[in-house]
Amino acid sequence: MSELISENKHPTGWSSFLRGCIAILPLSLAVLPWGILAGSMAIESGMTPAEGVGMSAIIFAGATQLAAMGMIKAGAGVMAIMVSAFFISSQHLLYSLTLRDRIAPLPLRWRLILGFLLTDELFALIGKHSAAEFDRWYALGVGLFFYIFWLLSTLAGVLAATQIENLGSYGLDFSIAATFIVIVVPLIKNIPTIVCVFTALILSIVLGYYHVPSSLIISGVTAMFAGLITSLVMGDKE
């Protein structure tokens, strides 16, 4: 980390870092209610304030955290929670594969840091950058600012939960849907993506209506396969 700080004295790196912080600010504000919800759910799940914030610091994946805390509250086993977390976070594998040509040439310390900071929001801002356009300092600014903001919003939720009962009833979970709408819609530029999005949308509504267990996992995995198959079929036709 000391090497990163010394490198950050370079004006170009510093300015790129600040641009990244500014670029992620709107999405950071959008997930503020989500972070508050995660913090409050941690307390409701029986965690201590330190454990709630620590979970955000270590896992750093909102949807995974909320699902895990819900399962903890329901008394689910460790293995069931780990399997669910794996599938819910599986899109990060696709993100990393997409960014591989830009991240792989970097030194190990950069690969580890950017790998940890990789989120839906970070990918939304840098996923469209070509290898020539990619700026490690910009990516670090985006990821680190979002990470710190997520920790602070979780802390706010933990503190609020000690003062306000049943904080989740205030509709904070709507921020989850709103955030993903903002991220996903600009990425819908081809037929495979459209198929993937609509498959996930329809399945999540239908399975959720009938209270099918693990509906989120089923919807996400099925949607990814639907998009992949569509892409392969269209590629064969071309």
Protein backbone atom coordinates (compact mmCIF):
# COMPACT_ATOMS: atom_id res chain seq x y z
CA MET A 1 0.00 0.00 0.00
CA SER A 2 2.93 2.36 0.68
CA GLU A 3 4.00 1.88 -2.94
CA LEU A 4 0.52 2.92 -4.07
CA ILE A 5 0.70 6.06 -1.95
CA SER A 6 4.10 6.99 -3.35
CA GLU A 7 2.91 6.40 -6.91
CA ASN A 8 -0.17 8.49 -6.21
CA LYS A 9 2.02 11.60 -5.90
CA HIS A 10 2.24 11.66 -9.66
CA PRO A 11 -0.09 14.47 -10.87
CA THR A 12 -1.62 12.38 -13.65
CA GLY A 13 -2.40 9.49 -11.31
CA TRP A 14 -3.85 11.82 -8.69
CA SER A 15 -6.09 13.66 -11.16
CA SER A 16 -7.35 10.37 -12.60
CA PHE A 17 -8.05 9.13 -9.08
CA LEU A 18 -10.14 12.23 -8.34
CA ARG A 19 -12.02 11.87 -11.62
CA GLY A 20 -12.92 8.34 -10.61
CA CYS A 21 -14.19 9.52 -7.22
CA ILE A 22 -16.37 12.15 -8.87
CA ALA A 23 -17.68 9.73 -11.52
CA ILE A 24 -18.90 7.20 -8.94
CA LEU A 25 -20.53 9.79 -6.67
CA PRO A 26 -24.05 9.57 -8.25
CA LEU A 27 -24.12 5.77 -7.95
CA SER A 28 -22.73 6.01 -4.42
CA LEU A 29 -25.61 8.28 -3.40
CA ALA A 30 -28.04 5.89 -5.08
CA VAL A 31 -26.91 2.98 -2.90
CA LEU A 32 -27.01 4.98 0.34
CA PRO A 33 -30.45 3.56 1.31
CA TRP A 34 -29.16 0.11 0.34
CA GLY A 35 -26.21 0.45 2.70
CA ILE A 36 -28.45 1.69 5.48
CA LEU A 37 -30.70 -1.32 4.91
CA ALA A 38 -27.69 -3.68 5.05
CA GLY A 39 -26.58 -2.16 8.34
CA SER A 40 -30.03 -2.35 9.89
CA MET A 41 -30.53 -5.94 8.71
CA ALA A 42 -27.25 -6.91 10.33
CA ILE A 43 -28.55 -5.75 13.70
CA GLU A 44 -31.92 -7.43 13.12
CA SER A 45 -30.07 -10.66 12.26
CA GLY A 46 -28.46 -10.66 15.69
CA MET A 47 -25.05 -9.29 14.72
CA THR A 48 -23.17 -6.74 16.77
CA PRO A 49 -22.49 -3.32 15.21
CA ALA A 50 -18.84 -4.31 14.66
CA GLU A 51 -19.87 -7.55 12.95
CA GLY A 52 -22.33 -5.71 10.71
CA VAL A 53 -19.75 -3.19 9.51
CA GLY A 54 -17.11 -5.92 9.33
CA MET A 55 -19.32 -7.95 7.00
CA SER A 56 -19.53 -5.00 4.62
CA ALA A 57 -15.77 -4.48 4.85
CA ILE A 58 -14.93 -8.11 4.04
CA ILE A 59 -17.68 -9.24 1.65
CA PHE A 60 -18.34 -5.88 -0.08
CA ALA A 61 -21.30 -7.17 -2.10
CA GLY A 62 -24.68 -5.68 -1.28
CA ALA A 63 -26.98 -8.32 -2.74
CA THR A 64 -24.90 -11.13 -1.25
CA GLN A 65 -24.88 -9.46 2.15
CA LEU A 66 -28.64 -8.94 2.22
CA ALA A 67 -29.30 -12.50 1.12
CA ALA A 68 -26.84 -13.91 3.66
CA MET A 69 -28.29 -11.86 6.52
CA GLY A 70 -31.79 -12.93 5.57
CA MET A 71 -30.68 -16.56 5.64
CA ILE A 72 -28.88 -16.06 8.96
CA LYS A 73 -32.06 -14.58 10.40
CA ALA A 74 -34.02 -17.60 9.11
CA GLY A 75 -31.53 -20.00 10.71
CA ALA A 76 -29.98 -21.37 7.49
CA GLY A 77 -26.79 -23.41 7.65
CA VAL A 78 -23.33 -22.17 6.74
CA MET A 79 -23.10 -24.33 3.61
CA ALA A 80 -26.46 -23.10 2.28
CA ILE A 81 -25.38 -19.51 2.84
CA MET A 82 -22.03 -20.06 1.08
CA VAL A 83 -23.65 -21.73 -1.94
CA SER A 84 -26.20 -18.94 -2.24
CA ALA A 85 -23.49 -16.30 -1.93
CA PHE A 86 -21.46 -18.01 -4.67
CA PHE A 87 -24.31 -17.97 -7.19
CA ILE A 88 -25.51 -14.47 -6.31
CA SER A 89 -21.99 -13.12 -6.85
CA SER A 90 -21.27 -15.23 -9.93
CA GLN A 91 -21.56 -12.25 -12.26
CA HIS A 92 -18.21 -11.05 -10.89
CA LEU A 93 -16.56 -13.94 -12.71
CA LEU A 94 -17.92 -12.59 -15.98
CA TYR A 95 -16.78 -9.08 -15.05
CA SER A 96 -13.25 -10.30 -14.34
CA LEU A 97 -13.08 -12.23 -17.59
CA THR A 98 -14.23 -9.15 -19.50
CA LEU A 99 -11.58 -6.96 -17.84
CA ARG A 100 -8.81 -9.54 -17.99
CA ASP A 101 -6.93 -7.98 -20.90
CA ARG A 102 -6.79 -4.66 -19.02
CA ILE A 103 -6.04 -5.94 -15.52
CA ALA A 104 -3.71 -8.88 -16.27
CA PRO A 105 -0.69 -6.74 -17.35
CA LEU A 106 -0.77 -4.79 -14.06
CA PRO A 107 1.50 -5.63 -11.09
CA LEU A 108 0.14 -8.13 -8.55
CA ARG A 109 -0.72 -5.46 -5.96
CA TRP A 110 -2.94 -3.70 -8.50
CA ARG A 111 -4.65 -6.92 -9.58
CA LEU A 112 -5.44 -7.82 -5.98
CA ILE A 113 -6.76 -4.38 -5.06
CA LEU A 114 -8.87 -3.86 -8.18
CA GLY A 115 -10.10 -7.45 -7.96
CA PHE A 116 -11.36 -6.85 -4.43
CA LEU A 117 -12.95 -3.51 -5.39
CA LEU A 118 -14.71 -4.97 -8.45
CA THR A 119 -18.46 -4.39 -8.14
CA ASP A 120 -21.40 -3.90 -10.48
CA GLU A 121 -20.89 -0.15 -10.14
CA LEU A 122 -17.17 -0.26 -10.93
CA PHE A 123 -17.77 -2.47 -13.95
CA ALA A 124 -20.52 -0.13 -15.16
CA LEU A 125 -17.98 2.72 -15.34
CA ILE A 126 -14.88 0.95 -16.65
CA GLY A 127 -16.25 -2.11 -18.46
CA LYS A 128 -16.71 -0.16 -21.69
CA HIS A 129 -13.13 1.17 -21.67
CA SER A 130 -10.76 -0.41 -24.16
CA ALA A 131 -7.28 -1.51 -23.15
CA ALA A 132 -5.93 1.80 -24.49
CA GLU A 133 -8.51 3.83 -22.57
CA PHE A 134 -8.19 1.94 -19.31
CA ASP A 135 -6.70 3.99 -16.45
CA ARG A 136 -5.75 2.10 -13.29
CA TRP A 137 -5.90 5.23 -11.15
CA TYR A 138 -9.36 6.13 -12.42
CA ALA A 139 -10.51 2.60 -11.60
CA LEU A 140 -8.94 2.83 -8.15
CA GLY A 141 -10.72 6.14 -7.50
CA VAL A 142 -14.06 4.65 -8.51
CA GLY A 143 -13.62 1.47 -6.49
CA LEU A 144 -12.05 2.91 -3.34
CA PHE A 145 -14.50 5.82 -3.06
CA PHE A 146 -17.43 3.44 -3.47
CA TYR A 147 -15.94 1.05 -0.89
CA ILE A 148 -15.53 3.77 1.73
CA PHE A 149 -19.00 5.15 0.98
CA TRP A 150 -20.49 1.65 1.36
CA LEU A 151 -18.83 1.22 4.76
CA LEU A 152 -20.09 4.60 5.95
CA SER A 153 -23.64 3.91 4.75
CA THR A 154 -23.58 0.52 6.48
CA LEU A 155 -22.38 2.20 9.67
CA ALA A 156 -25.25 4.68 9.33
CA GLY A 157 -27.68 1.77 9.05
CA VAL A 158 -26.20 0.09 12.12
CA LEU A 159 -26.55 3.28 14.15
CA ALA A 160 -30.05 3.95 12.82
CA ALA A 161 -31.19 0.44 13.69
CA THR A 162 -30.38 1.10 17.34
CA GLN A 163 -32.66 4.15 17.29
CA ILE A 164 -35.45 3.23 14.84
CA GLU A 165 -37.34 -0.06 15.03
CA ASN A 166 -38.12 -2.05 11.87
CA LEU A 167 -36.10 0.24 9.62
CA GLY A 168 -36.64 -2.11 6.67
CA SER A 169 -40.33 -1.22 6.54
CA TYR A 170 -39.49 2.24 5.16
CA GLY A 171 -39.02 0.95 1.61
CA LEU A 172 -35.23 1.24 1.55
CA ASP A 173 -35.03 -1.96 -0.50
CA PHE A 174 -36.36 -0.04 -3.51
CA SER A 175 -32.88 1.45 -3.87
CA ILE A 176 -31.63 -2.01 -4.87
CA ALA A 177 -33.93 -2.16 -7.88
CA ALA A 178 -33.30 1.50 -8.75
CA THR A 179 -29.53 1.06 -8.67
CA PHE A 180 -29.54 -1.98 -10.94
CA ILE A 181 -31.94 -0.29 -13.37
CA VAL A 182 -29.48 2.62 -13.68
CA ILE A 183 -26.58 0.20 -14.22
CA VAL A 184 -28.24 -2.30 -16.56
CA VAL A 185 -30.30 -0.12 -18.91
CA PRO A 186 -27.29 1.64 -20.57
CA LEU A 187 -25.72 -1.79 -21.19
CA ILE A 188 -28.68 -3.12 -23.19
CA LYS A 189 -27.24 -2.70 -26.68
CA ASN A 190 -27.71 -6.10 -28.31
CA ILE A 191 -30.16 -8.98 -28.53
CA PRO A 192 -28.33 -11.41 -26.16
CA THR A 193 -28.32 -8.75 -23.44
CA ILE A 194 -32.02 -8.07 -24.01
CA VAL A 195 -32.78 -11.79 -23.73
CA CYS A 196 -30.71 -12.02 -20.53
CA VAL A 197 -32.41 -9.03 -18.90
CA PHE A 198 -35.96 -10.00 -19.79
CA THR A 199 -35.40 -13.63 -18.78
CA ALA A 200 -34.19 -12.50 -15.37
CA LEU A 201 -37.05 -10.01 -15.05
CA ILE A 202 -39.83 -12.43 -15.95
CA LEU A 203 -38.45 -15.36 -13.95
CA SER A 204 -37.84 -13.27 -10.83
CA ILE A 205 -41.42 -11.97 -10.91
CA VAL A 206 -43.02 -15.38 -11.57
CA LEU A 207 -40.87 -17.35 -9.12
CA GLY A 208 -41.18 -14.65 -6.50
CA TYR A 209 -44.98 -14.63 -6.87
CA TYR A 210 -45.12 -18.38 -6.26
CA HIS A 211 -42.56 -18.15 -3.43
CA VAL A 212 -40.15 -20.56 -5.09
CA PRO A 213 -37.05 -21.11 -2.88
CA SER A 214 -33.82 -19.54 -4.22
CA SER A 215 -35.80 -17.69 -6.91
CA LEU A 216 -33.09 -15.02 -7.22
CA ILE A 217 -30.38 -17.59 -7.90
CA ILE A 218 -32.54 -19.52 -10.38
CA SER A 219 -33.47 -16.33 -12.24
CA GLY A 220 -29.90 -15.05 -12.45
CA VAL A 221 -28.29 -18.31 -13.57
CA THR A 222 -31.04 -19.05 -16.10
CA ALA A 223 -30.81 -15.53 -17.52
CA MET A 224 -27.04 -15.83 -17.99
CA PHE A 225 -27.42 -19.13 -19.83
CA ALA A 226 -30.24 -17.67 -21.97
CA GLY A 227 -28.02 -14.75 -22.96
CA LEU A 228 -25.08 -17.06 -23.68
CA ILE A 229 -27.15 -19.43 -25.82
CA THR A 230 -28.63 -16.50 -27.74
CA SER A 231 -25.16 -15.14 -28.37
CA LEU A 232 -23.89 -18.52 -29.62
CA VAL A 233 -26.91 -19.02 -31.89
CA MET A 234 -26.58 -15.54 -33.38
CA GLY A 235 -22.84 -16.06 -33.80
CA ASP A 236 -23.45 -19.29 -35.73
CA LYS A 237 -25.93 -17.53 -38.03
CA GLU A 238 -23.47 -14.76 -38.74
